[in-house]
PDB file of N, CA and C in Angstrom:
ATOM      1  N   MET A   1      88.424 -36.182  -5.587  1.00  0.00           N
ATOM      2  CA  MET A   1      89.496 -35.699  -5.969  1.00  0.00           C
ATOM      3  C   MET A   1      90.389 -35.916  -5.837  1.00  0.00           C
ATOM      4  N   SER A   2      91.421 -36.430  -6.279  1.00  0.00           N
ATOM      5  CA  SER A   2      92.554 -36.865  -5.797  1.00  0.00           C
ATOM      6  C   SER A   2      94.023 -35.830  -6.482  1.00  0.00           C
ATOM      7  N   GLY A   3      95.028 -35.095  -6.333  1.00  0.00           N
ATOM      8  CA  GLY A   3      95.645 -34.482  -6.706  1.00  0.00           C
ATOM      9  C   GLY A   3      95.564 -32.948  -6.873  1.00  0.00           C
ATOM     10  N   GLY A   4      94.442 -32.517  -6.426  1.00  0.00           N
ATOM     11  CA  GLY A   4      93.632 -31.423  -6.699  1.00  0.00           C
ATOM     12  C   GLY A   4      93.024 -31.699  -7.641  1.00  0.00           C
ATOM     13  N   VAL A   5      92.725 -32.226  -8.697  1.00  0.00           N
ATOM     14  CA  VAL A   5      92.171 -32.863  -9.951  1.00  0.00           C
ATOM     15  C   VAL A   5      91.120 -33.511 -10.204  1.00  0.00           C
ATOM     16  N   SER A   6      90.025 -32.672 -10.541  1.00  0.00           N
ATOM     17  CA  SER A   6      88.063 -32.973 -10.206  1.00  0.00           C
ATOM     18  C   SER A   6      87.942 -34.878 -11.665  1.00  0.00           C
ATOM     19  N   THR A   7      87.860 -35.531 -10.903  1.00  0.00           N
ATOM     20  CA  THR A   7      87.020 -36.832 -11.782  1.00  0.00           C
ATOM     21  C   THR A   7      85.306 -36.329 -12.093  1.00  0.00           C
ATOM     22  N   ASP A   8      85.441 -34.921 -11.488  1.00  0.00           N
ATOM     23  CA  ASP A   8      83.636 -35.532 -12.247  1.00  0.00           C
ATOM     24  C   ASP A   8      84.060 -34.979 -13.630  1.00  0.00           C
ATOM     25  N   THR A   9      83.135 -35.438 -14.311  1.00  0.00           N
ATOM     26  CA  THR A   9      82.917 -35.035 -15.559  1.00  0.00           C
ATOM     27  C   THR A   9      81.550 -34.865 -16.307  1.00  0.00           C
ATOM     28  N   SER A  10      80.605 -34.661 -15.715  1.00  0.00           N
ATOM     29  CA  SER A  10      79.486 -34.425 -15.803  1.00  0.00           C
ATOM     30  C   SER A  10      78.835 -33.366 -16.570  1.00  0.00           C
ATOM     31  N   ARG A  11      79.750 -32.374 -16.126  1.00  0.00           N
ATOM     32  CA  ARG A  11      79.614 -31.011 -16.470  1.00  0.00           C
ATOM     33  C   ARG A  11      79.464 -30.909 -18.131  1.00  0.00           C
ATOM     34  N   LEU A  12      80.738 -31.659 -18.731  1.00  0.00           N
ATOM     35  CA  LEU A  12      80.712 -32.486 -20.228  1.00  0.00           C
ATOM     36  C   LEU A  12      80.085 -32.630 -21.328  1.00  0.00           C
ATOM     37  N   ALA A  13      78.756 -32.868 -20.480  1.00  0.00           N
ATOM     38  CA  ALA A  13      78.067 -34.086 -21.268  1.00  0.00           C
ATOM     39  C   ALA A  13      76.873 -32.678 -21.931  1.00  0.00           C
ATOM     40  N   SER A  14      76.525 -31.334 -21.666  1.00  0.00           N
ATOM     41  CA  SER A  14      76.553 -30.435 -22.496  1.00  0.00           C
ATOM     42  C   SER A  14      77.610 -29.407 -23.565  1.00  0.00           C
ATOM     43  N   SER A  15      76.460 -29.374 -24.294  1.00  0.00           N
ATOM     44  CA  SER A  15      77.884 -29.027 -25.804  1.00  0.00           C
ATOM     45  C   SER A  15      78.021 -27.764 -24.780  1.00  0.00           C
ATOM     46  N   ASP A  16      76.753 -26.389 -24.565  1.00  0.00           N
ATOM     47  CA  ASP A  16      77.226 -25.910 -24.627  1.00  0.00           C
ATOM     48  C   ASP A  16      77.964 -24.983 -23.451  1.00  0.00           C
ATOM     49  N   ASN A  17      78.624 -26.281 -23.049  1.00  0.00           N
ATOM     50  CA  ASN A  17      79.488 -25.415 -21.671  1.00  0.00           C
ATOM     51  C   ASN A  17      80.741 -25.679 -22.561  1.00  0.00           C
ATOM     52  N   LEU A  18      80.533 -26.717 -23.506  1.00  0.00           N
ATOM     53  CA  LEU A  18      81.800 -27.108 -23.565  1.00  0.00           C
ATOM     54  C   LEU A  18      82.391 -26.011 -24.608  1.00  0.00           C
ATOM     55  N   ASP A  19      81.518 -25.440 -25.547  1.00  0.00           N
ATOM     56  CA  ASP A  19      81.482 -24.415 -25.826  1.00  0.00           C
ATOM     57  C   ASP A  19      81.680 -23.231 -25.865  1.00  0.00           C
ATOM     58  N   ALA A  20      81.400 -22.898 -24.307  1.00  0.00           N
ATOM     59  CA  ALA A  20      81.825 -22.483 -23.880  1.00  0.00           C
ATOM     60  C   ALA A  20      83.210 -22.299 -23.484  1.00  0.00           C
ATOM     61  N   ALA A  21      83.546 -23.610 -22.804  1.00  0.00           N
ATOM     62  CA  ALA A  21      84.985 -22.909 -21.804  1.00  0.00           C
ATOM     63  C   ALA A  21      85.812 -22.987 -22.776  1.00  0.00           C
ATOM     64  N   GLY A  22      85.285 -23.524 -24.085  1.00  0.00           N
ATOM     65  CA  GLY A  22      86.399 -23.658 -25.710  1.00  0.00           C
ATOM     66  C   GLY A  22      86.650 -22.197 -25.781  1.00  0.00           C
ATOM     67  N   LYS A  23      85.711 -21.487 -25.614  1.00  0.00           N
ATOM     68  CA  LYS A  23      85.815 -20.262 -26.123  1.00  0.00           C
ATOM     69  C   LYS A  23      86.924 -19.904 -25.249  1.00  0.00           C
ATOM     70  N   ARG A  24      86.453 -19.635 -23.432  1.00  0.00           N
ATOM     71  CA  ARG A  24      87.146 -18.895 -22.015  1.00  0.00           C
ATOM     72  C   ARG A  24      88.490 -19.497 -23.070  1.00  0.00           C
ATOM     73  N   PHE A  25      89.200 -20.587 -23.380  1.00  0.00           N
ATOM     74  CA  PHE A  25      90.454 -21.229 -23.343  1.00  0.00           C
ATOM     75  C   PHE A  25      90.777 -21.005 -23.935  1.00  0.00           C
ATOM     76  N   GLU A  26      90.136 -20.811 -25.738  1.00  0.00           N
ATOM     77  CA  GLU A  26      91.199 -19.465 -26.559  1.00  0.00           C
ATOM     78  C   GLU A  26      91.318 -17.676 -26.291  1.00  0.00           C
ATOM     79  N   ALA A  27      90.265 -17.334 -25.552  1.00  0.00           N
ATOM     80  CA  ALA A  27      90.694 -16.027 -25.146  1.00  0.00           C
ATOM     81  C   ALA A  27      91.997 -15.835 -24.094  1.00  0.00           C
ATOM     82  N   ILE A  28      92.015 -16.665 -22.754  1.00  0.00           N
ATOM     83  CA  ILE A  28      93.497 -16.994 -22.321  1.00  0.00           C
ATOM     84  C   ILE A  28      94.354 -17.747 -22.695  1.00  0.00           C
ATOM     85  N   PHE A  29      94.635 -18.033 -24.118  1.00  0.00           N
ATOM     86  CA  PHE A  29      95.999 -18.796 -24.993  1.00  0.00           C
ATOM     87  C   PHE A  29      96.368 -17.030 -25.473  1.00  0.00           C
ATOM     88  N   THR A  30      95.406 -15.994 -26.095  1.00  0.00           N
ATOM     89  CA  THR A  30      95.810 -15.834 -26.786  1.00  0.00           C
ATOM     90  C   THR A  30      96.233 -14.316 -25.834  1.00  0.00           C
ATOM     91  N   GLY A  31      95.237 -13.930 -24.756  1.00  0.00           N
ATOM     92  CA  GLY A  31      95.609 -12.769 -23.935  1.00  0.00           C
ATOM     93  C   GLY A  31      96.920 -13.104 -23.422  1.00  0.00           C
ATOM     94  N   MET A  32      97.485 -14.427 -23.511  1.00  0.00           N
ATOM     95  CA  MET A  32      98.744 -15.087 -23.265  1.00  0.00           C
ATOM     96  C   MET A  32      99.461 -14.535 -23.959  1.00  0.00           C
ATOM     97  N   MET A  33      99.836 -15.013 -25.482  1.00  0.00           N
ATOM     98  CA  MET A  33     100.385 -14.788 -26.018  1.00  0.00           C
ATOM     99  C   MET A  33     100.974 -12.853 -26.873  1.00  0.00           C
ATOM    100  N   LEU A  34      99.159 -12.568 -26.643  1.00  0.00           N
ATOM    101  CA  LEU A  34     100.035 -11.145 -26.026  1.00  0.00           C
ATOM    102  C   LEU A  34     100.825 -10.825 -25.435  1.00  0.00           C
ATOM    103  N   LYS A  35     100.521 -11.346 -23.954  1.00  0.00           N
ATOM    104  CA  LYS A  35     101.274 -10.495 -22.548  1.00  0.00           C
ATOM    105  C   LYS A  35     102.857 -10.825 -23.812  1.00  0.00           C
ATOM    106  N   SER A  36     103.339 -11.867 -23.996  1.00  0.00           N
ATOM    107  CA  SER A  36     104.469 -12.416 -24.301  1.00  0.00           C
ATOM    108  C   SER A  36     104.706 -11.120 -24.787  1.00  0.00           C
ATOM    109  N   MET A  37     104.147 -10.990 -25.996  1.00  0.00           N
ATOM    110  CA  MET A  37     104.825 -10.192 -27.227  1.00  0.00           C
ATOM    111  C   MET A  37     105.394  -9.810 -26.519  1.00  0.00           C
ATOM    112  N   ARG A  38     104.076  -8.929 -26.073  1.00  0.00           N
ATOM    113  CA  ARG A  38     104.654  -6.742 -25.360  1.00  0.00           C
ATOM    114  C   ARG A  38     105.586  -7.069 -24.127  1.00  0.00           C
ATOM    115  N   ALA A  39     105.760  -8.470 -23.572  1.00  0.00           N
ATOM    116  CA  ALA A  39     106.616  -7.986 -22.655  1.00  0.00           C
ATOM    117  C   ALA A  39     109.002  -8.743 -23.490  1.00  0.00           C
ATOM    118  N   ALA A  40     108.305  -9.167 -25.111  1.00  0.00           N
ATOM    119  CA  ALA A  40     109.377  -8.963 -25.436  1.00  0.00           C
ATOM    120  C   ALA A  40     109.855  -7.500 -26.696  1.00  0.00           C
ATOM    121  N   LYS A  41     109.335  -6.904 -25.608  1.00  0.00           N
ATOM    122  CA  LYS A  41     109.829  -5.788 -26.100  1.00  0.00           C
ATOM    123  C   LYS A  41     110.992  -4.958 -26.511  1.00  0.00           C
ATOM    124  N   LEU A  42     111.981  -4.113 -26.856  1.00  0.00           N
ATOM    125  CA  LEU A  42     113.517  -3.684 -27.438  1.00  0.00           C
ATOM    126  C   LEU A  42     113.557  -3.034 -26.496  1.00  0.00           C
ATOM    127  N   GLY A  43     112.879  -1.906 -25.632  1.00  0.00           N
ATOM    128  CA  GLY A  43     113.525  -0.600 -24.666  1.00  0.00           C
ATOM    129  C   GLY A  43     111.702  -0.791 -24.532  1.00  0.00           C
ATOM    130  N   ASP A  44     111.614   0.411 -23.083  1.00  0.00           N
ATOM    131  CA  ASP A  44     110.868   1.581 -22.951  1.00  0.00           C
ATOM    132  C   ASP A  44     110.842   2.459 -23.680  1.00  0.00           C
ATOM    133  N   GLY A  45     109.705   2.848 -23.659  1.00  0.00           N
ATOM    134  CA  GLY A  45     108.726   4.077 -24.634  1.00  0.00           C
ATOM    135  C   GLY A  45     109.951   5.027 -23.968  1.00  0.00           C
ATOM    136  N   LEU A  46     109.313   6.519 -24.755  1.00  0.00           N
ATOM    137  CA  LEU A  46     109.589   7.853 -24.308  1.00  0.00           C
ATOM    138  C   LEU A  46     107.925   8.082 -23.169  1.00  0.00           C
ATOM    139  N   PHE A  47     107.398   7.814 -22.939  1.00  0.00           N
ATOM    140  CA  PHE A  47     105.828   8.477 -22.412  1.00  0.00           C
ATOM    141  C   PHE A  47     105.334   7.189 -21.298  1.00  0.00           C
ATOM    142  N   ASP A  48     106.410   5.613 -21.582  1.00  0.00           N
ATOM    143  CA  ASP A  48     105.535   4.452 -21.045  1.00  0.00           C
ATOM    144  C   ASP A  48     105.538   5.087 -18.946  1.00  0.00           C
ATOM    145  N   SER A  49     104.527   3.605 -18.809  1.00  0.00           N
ATOM    146  CA  SER A  49     104.338   4.132 -17.001  1.00  0.00           C
ATOM    147  C   SER A  49     103.548   2.919 -16.446  1.00  0.00           C
ATOM    148  N   LYS A  50     102.873   2.737 -15.402  1.00  0.00           N
ATOM    149  CA  LYS A  50     102.945   1.893 -14.464  1.00  0.00           C
ATOM    150  C   LYS A  50     101.434   2.109 -15.680  1.00  0.00           C
ATOM    151  N   ALA A  51     100.434   3.384 -15.670  1.00  0.00           N
ATOM    152  CA  ALA A  51      99.272   3.728 -15.548  1.00  0.00           C
ATOM    153  C   ALA A  51      98.593   2.600 -17.024  1.00  0.00           C
ATOM    154  N   SER A  52     100.348   3.631 -17.761  1.00  0.00           N
ATOM    155  CA  SER A  52      99.811   3.623 -19.242  1.00  0.00           C
ATOM    156  C   SER A  52      99.482   1.502 -19.963  1.00  0.00           C
ATOM    157  N   GLU A  53     101.077   1.341 -19.469  1.00  0.00           N
ATOM    158  CA  GLU A  53     100.619  -0.368 -18.926  1.00  0.00           C
ATOM    159  C   GLU A  53      99.827  -0.884 -18.330  1.00  0.00           C
ATOM    160  N   GLN A  54      99.002  -1.193 -17.146  1.00  0.00           N
ATOM    161  CA  GLN A  54      97.933  -1.283 -17.028  1.00  0.00           C
ATOM    162  C   GLN A  54      96.992  -0.969 -17.440  1.00  0.00           C
ATOM    163  N   PHE A  55      96.327   0.327 -18.727  1.00  0.00           N
ATOM    164  CA  PHE A  55      95.403   0.794 -19.770  1.00  0.00           C
ATOM    165  C   PHE A  55      95.736  -0.547 -21.031  1.00  0.00           C
ATOM    166  N   ARG A  56      97.801  -0.544 -21.597  1.00  0.00           N
ATOM    167  CA  ARG A  56      97.346  -1.588 -22.698  1.00  0.00           C
ATOM    168  C   ARG A  56      97.120  -2.551 -22.354  1.00  0.00           C
ATOM    169  N   ASP A  57      97.189  -3.704 -20.781  1.00  0.00           N
ATOM    170  CA  ASP A  57      97.132  -5.109 -20.406  1.00  0.00           C
ATOM    171  C   ASP A  57      95.960  -4.963 -20.473  1.00  0.00           C
ATOM    172  N   MET A  58      95.123  -4.106 -19.777  1.00  0.00           N
ATOM    173  CA  MET A  58      93.066  -3.987 -19.692  1.00  0.00           C
ATOM    174  C   MET A  58      92.821  -4.994 -21.240  1.00  0.00           C
ATOM    175  N   GLN A  59      93.331  -3.509 -22.026  1.00  0.00           N
ATOM    176  CA  GLN A  59      93.006  -3.099 -23.823  1.00  0.00           C
ATOM    177  C   GLN A  59      93.424  -4.652 -24.561  1.00  0.00           C
ATOM    178  N   ASP A  60      95.053  -5.099 -23.868  1.00  0.00           N
ATOM    179  CA  ASP A  60      95.319  -6.721 -25.010  1.00  0.00           C
ATOM    180  C   ASP A  60      93.833  -7.403 -24.066  1.00  0.00           C
ATOM    181  N   GLN A  61      93.240  -7.856 -22.754  1.00  0.00           N
ATOM    182  CA  GLN A  61      92.663  -8.742 -22.773  1.00  0.00           C
ATOM    183  C   GLN A  61      91.789  -8.310 -23.377  1.00  0.00           C
ATOM    184  N   GLN A  62      90.784  -7.341 -23.054  1.00  0.00           N
ATOM    185  CA  GLN A  62      89.469  -7.360 -25.006  1.00  0.00           C
ATOM    186  C   GLN A  62      90.259  -7.927 -26.223  1.00  0.00           C
ATOM    187  N   LEU A  63      91.265  -6.963 -26.184  1.00  0.00           N
ATOM    188  CA  LEU A  63      91.239  -7.971 -27.765  1.00  0.00           C
ATOM    189  C   LEU A  63      91.554  -9.143 -27.659  1.00  0.00           C
ATOM    190  N   ALA A  64      92.333  -9.814 -26.523  1.00  0.00           N
ATOM    191  CA  ALA A  64      91.965 -11.752 -26.456  1.00  0.00           C
ATOM    192  C   ALA A  64      91.034 -12.063 -26.337  1.00  0.00           C
ATOM    193  N   GLN A  65      89.565 -11.415 -26.239  1.00  0.00           N
ATOM    194  CA  GLN A  65      88.171 -12.200 -25.769  1.00  0.00           C
ATOM    195  C   GLN A  65      87.161 -11.493 -27.621  1.00  0.00           C
ATOM    196  N   ALA A  66      87.537 -10.869 -27.780  1.00  0.00           N
ATOM    197  CA  ALA A  66      87.258  -9.809 -29.218  1.00  0.00           C
ATOM    198  C   ALA A  66      87.883 -11.427 -30.573  1.00  0.00           C
ATOM    199  N   MET A  67      89.190 -10.880 -30.374  1.00  0.00           N
ATOM    200  CA  MET A  67      89.408 -11.896 -31.202  1.00  0.00           C
ATOM    201  C   MET A  67      89.431 -13.739 -30.977  1.00  0.00           C
ATOM    202  N   ALA A  68      89.288 -13.947 -29.737  1.00  0.00           N
ATOM    203  CA  ALA A  68      88.017 -15.545 -29.316  1.00  0.00           C
ATOM    204  C   ALA A  68      86.876 -15.549 -29.929  1.00  0.00           C
ATOM    205  N   ALA A  69      86.206 -14.566 -29.406  1.00  0.00           N
ATOM    206  CA  ALA A  69      84.902 -14.492 -31.032  1.00  0.00           C
ATOM    207  C   ALA A  69      84.809 -14.515 -31.876  1.00  0.00           C
ATOM    208  N   HIS A  70      85.588 -13.947 -32.612  1.00  0.00           N
ATOM    209  CA  HIS A  70      85.300 -13.089 -34.108  1.00  0.00           C
ATOM    210  C   HIS A  70      86.245 -14.428 -34.679  1.00  0.00           C
ATOM    211  N   ALA A  71      87.239 -14.149 -34.476  1.00  0.00           N
ATOM    212  CA  ALA A  71      89.090 -14.739 -36.046  1.00  0.00           C
ATOM    213  C   ALA A  71      89.929 -15.837 -34.557  1.00  0.00           C
ATOM    214  N   PRO A  72      89.281 -17.144 -34.017  1.00  0.00           N
ATOM    215  CA  PRO A  72      89.673 -17.614 -33.193  1.00  0.00           C
ATOM    216  C   PRO A  72      91.006 -18.527 -34.409  1.00  0.00           C
ATOM    217  N   ILE A  73      92.001 -18.816 -33.238  1.00  0.00           N
ATOM    218  CA  ILE A  73      92.708 -20.155 -33.687  1.00  0.00           C
ATOM    219  C   ILE A  73      92.250 -20.968 -34.056  1.00  0.00           C
ATOM    220  N   GLY A  74      91.967 -21.945 -32.631  1.00  0.00           N
ATOM    221  CA  GLY A  74      91.217 -22.598 -33.228  1.00  0.00           C
ATOM    222  C   GLY A  74      91.725 -23.871 -32.066  1.00  0.00           C
ATOM    223  N   ILE A  75      92.309 -23.541 -31.409  1.00  0.00           N
ATOM    224  CA  ILE A  75      93.251 -24.208 -30.571  1.00  0.00           C
ATOM    225  C   ILE A  75      92.115 -24.295 -29.495  1.00  0.00           C
ATOM    226  N   GLY A  76      91.003 -24.234 -29.379  1.00  0.00           N
ATOM    227  CA  GLY A  76      89.871 -23.583 -28.513  1.00  0.00           C
ATOM    228  C   GLY A  76      88.852 -24.964 -28.718  1.00  0.00           C
ATOM    229  N   ARG A  77      88.493 -24.855 -30.022  1.00  0.00           N
ATOM    230  CA  ARG A  77      87.968 -25.963 -30.694  1.00  0.00           C
ATOM    231  C   ARG A  77      88.879 -27.518 -30.672  1.00  0.00           C
ATOM    232  N   ALA A  78      89.744 -26.973 -31.066  1.00  0.00           N
ATOM    233  CA  ALA A  78      90.449 -28.531 -30.921  1.00  0.00           C
ATOM    234  C   ALA A  78      90.311 -29.315 -29.389  1.00  0.00           C
ATOM    235  N   MET A  79      90.979 -27.808 -28.280  1.00  0.00           N
ATOM    236  CA  MET A  79      90.382 -29.046 -27.096  1.00  0.00           C
ATOM    237  C   MET A  79      89.143 -29.130 -26.807  1.00  0.00           C
ATOM    238  N   THR A  80      88.176 -28.525 -27.053  1.00  0.00           N
ATOM    239  CA  THR A  80      86.163 -28.722 -26.881  1.00  0.00           C
ATOM    240  C   THR A  80      86.208 -30.318 -27.807  1.00  0.00           C
ATOM    241  N   GLU A  81      86.438 -30.140 -29.134  1.00  0.00           N
ATOM    242  CA  GLU A  81      86.798 -31.072 -29.257  1.00  0.00           C
ATOM    243  C   GLU A  81      86.945 -32.686 -28.854  1.00  0.00           C
ATOM    244  N   PHE A  82      88.618 -32.012 -28.002  1.00  0.00           N
ATOM    245  CA  PHE A  82      89.425 -33.094 -27.777  1.00  0.00           C
ATOM    246  C   PHE A  82      88.184 -34.119 -26.538  1.00  0.00           C
ATOM    247  N   LEU A  83      87.986 -32.828 -25.668  1.00  0.00           N
ATOM    248  CA  LEU A  83      87.357 -33.600 -24.691  1.00  0.00           C
ATOM    249  C   LEU A  83      86.189 -33.295 -24.763  1.00  0.00           C
ATOM    250  N   ALA A  84      85.218 -33.879 -25.311  1.00  0.00           N
ATOM    251  CA  ALA A  84      83.921 -33.954 -26.143  1.00  0.00           C
ATOM    252  C   ALA A  84      84.099 -35.567 -26.471  1.00  0.00           C
ATOM    253  N   ARG A  85      85.529 -35.122 -27.266  1.00  0.00           N
ATOM    254  CA  ARG A  85      85.188 -37.216 -27.907  1.00  0.00           C
ATOM    255  C   ARG A  85      85.885 -38.370 -26.390  1.00  0.00           C
ATOM    256  N   ASN A  86      86.695 -38.019 -25.937  1.00  0.00           N
ATOM    257  CA  ASN A  86      86.516 -38.241 -24.495  1.00  0.00           C
ATOM    258  C   ASN A  86      86.060 -38.150 -23.679  1.00  0.00           C
ATOM    259  N   ALA A  87      85.236 -37.349 -23.322  1.00  0.00           N
ATOM    260  CA  ALA A  87      83.906 -37.708 -22.791  1.00  0.00           C
ATOM    261  C   ALA A  87      82.354 -38.619 -23.067  1.00  0.00           C
ATOM    262  N   SER A  88      83.095 -38.901 -24.085  1.00  0.00           N
ATOM    263  CA  SER A  88      81.880 -40.078 -25.270  1.00  0.00           C
ATOM    264  C   SER A  88      82.575 -41.522 -25.188  1.00  0.00           C
ATOM    265  N   LEU A  89      83.867 -40.914 -25.373  1.00  0.00           N
ATOM    266  CA  LEU A  89      84.855 -42.811 -24.411  1.00  0.00           C
ATOM    267  C   LEU A  89      84.941 -43.047 -23.781  1.00  0.00           C
ATOM    268  N   ALA A  90      84.700 -42.228 -22.253  1.00  0.00           N
ATOM    269  CA  ALA A  90      84.882 -42.172 -21.243  1.00  0.00           C
ATOM    270  C   ALA A  90      83.863 -43.689 -20.313  1.00  0.00           C
ATOM    271  N   PRO A  91      82.607 -43.723 -20.617  1.00  0.00           N
ATOM    272  CA  PRO A  91      81.988 -44.066 -20.247  1.00  0.00           C
ATOM    273  C   PRO A  91      81.431 -45.814 -20.644  1.00  0.00           C
ATOM    274  N   ALA A  92      81.710 -45.637 -22.171  1.00  0.00           N
ATOM    275  CA  ALA A  92      82.446 -46.930 -22.854  1.00  0.00           C
ATOM    276  C   ALA A  92      83.213 -47.946 -22.387  1.00  0.00           C
ATOM    277  N   ALA A  93      84.595 -47.333 -22.154  1.00  0.00           N
ATOM    278  CA  ALA A  93      85.438 -47.783 -21.048  1.00  0.00           C
ATOM    279  C   ALA A  93      85.291 -48.514 -20.324  1.00  0.00           C
ATOM    280  N   GLU A  94      84.857 -47.301 -20.040  1.00  0.00           N
ATOM    281  CA  GLU A  94      84.097 -47.588 -18.144  1.00  0.00           C
ATOM    282  C   GLU A  94      83.427 -49.215 -17.729  1.00  0.00           C
ATOM    283  N   GLY A  95      81.978 -49.349 -18.045  1.00  0.00           N
ATOM    284  CA  GLY A  95      81.266 -50.484 -18.641  1.00  0.00           C
ATOM    285  C   GLY A  95      82.569 -51.508 -19.256  1.00  0.00           C
ATOM    286  N   SER A  96      83.038 -51.585 -20.072  1.00  0.00           N
ATOM    287  CA  SER A  96      83.295 -52.867 -20.337  1.00  0.00           C
ATOM    288  C   SER A  96      84.732 -53.903 -20.123  1.00  0.00           C
ATOM    289  N   SER A  97      85.289 -52.474 -18.556  1.00  0.00           N
ATOM    290  CA  SER A  97      86.325 -52.926 -18.654  1.00  0.00           C
ATOM    291  C   SER A  97      85.478 -54.900 -17.186  1.00  0.00           C
ATOM    292  N   THR A  98      86.529 -55.817 -17.766  1.00  0.00           N
ATOM    293  CA  THR A  98      85.495 -56.865 -16.522  1.00  0.00           C
ATOM    294  C   THR A  98      86.542 -56.979 -15.015  1.00  0.00           C
ATOM    295  N   PRO A  99      86.207 -57.772 -14.029  1.00  0.00           N
ATOM    296  CA  PRO A  99      86.551 -57.950 -12.752  1.00  0.00           C
ATOM    297  C   PRO A  99      87.416 -58.299 -12.838  1.00  0.00           C
TER     298      PRO A  99
END
């Protein structure tokens, strides 16, 4: 491991792992998008509090997971396809190099 980035790509061989990673990435991305939309509000509401903000954040997290599972944007699938394509090319590229 160099620079904090793992070079172990053995887990990429499983399409189930790639699909799960794509869904998690989609949920995280959607959650960040919702959080940034909430931060762009124009003013404070009359009944806003830290407790209501915390529950709204939890609701947004669940909403992001549901959106990723049922109505994905497509960024998770694009990432999954990119990783699958690169994982299948990596062994061929390593084997074809000449010393």
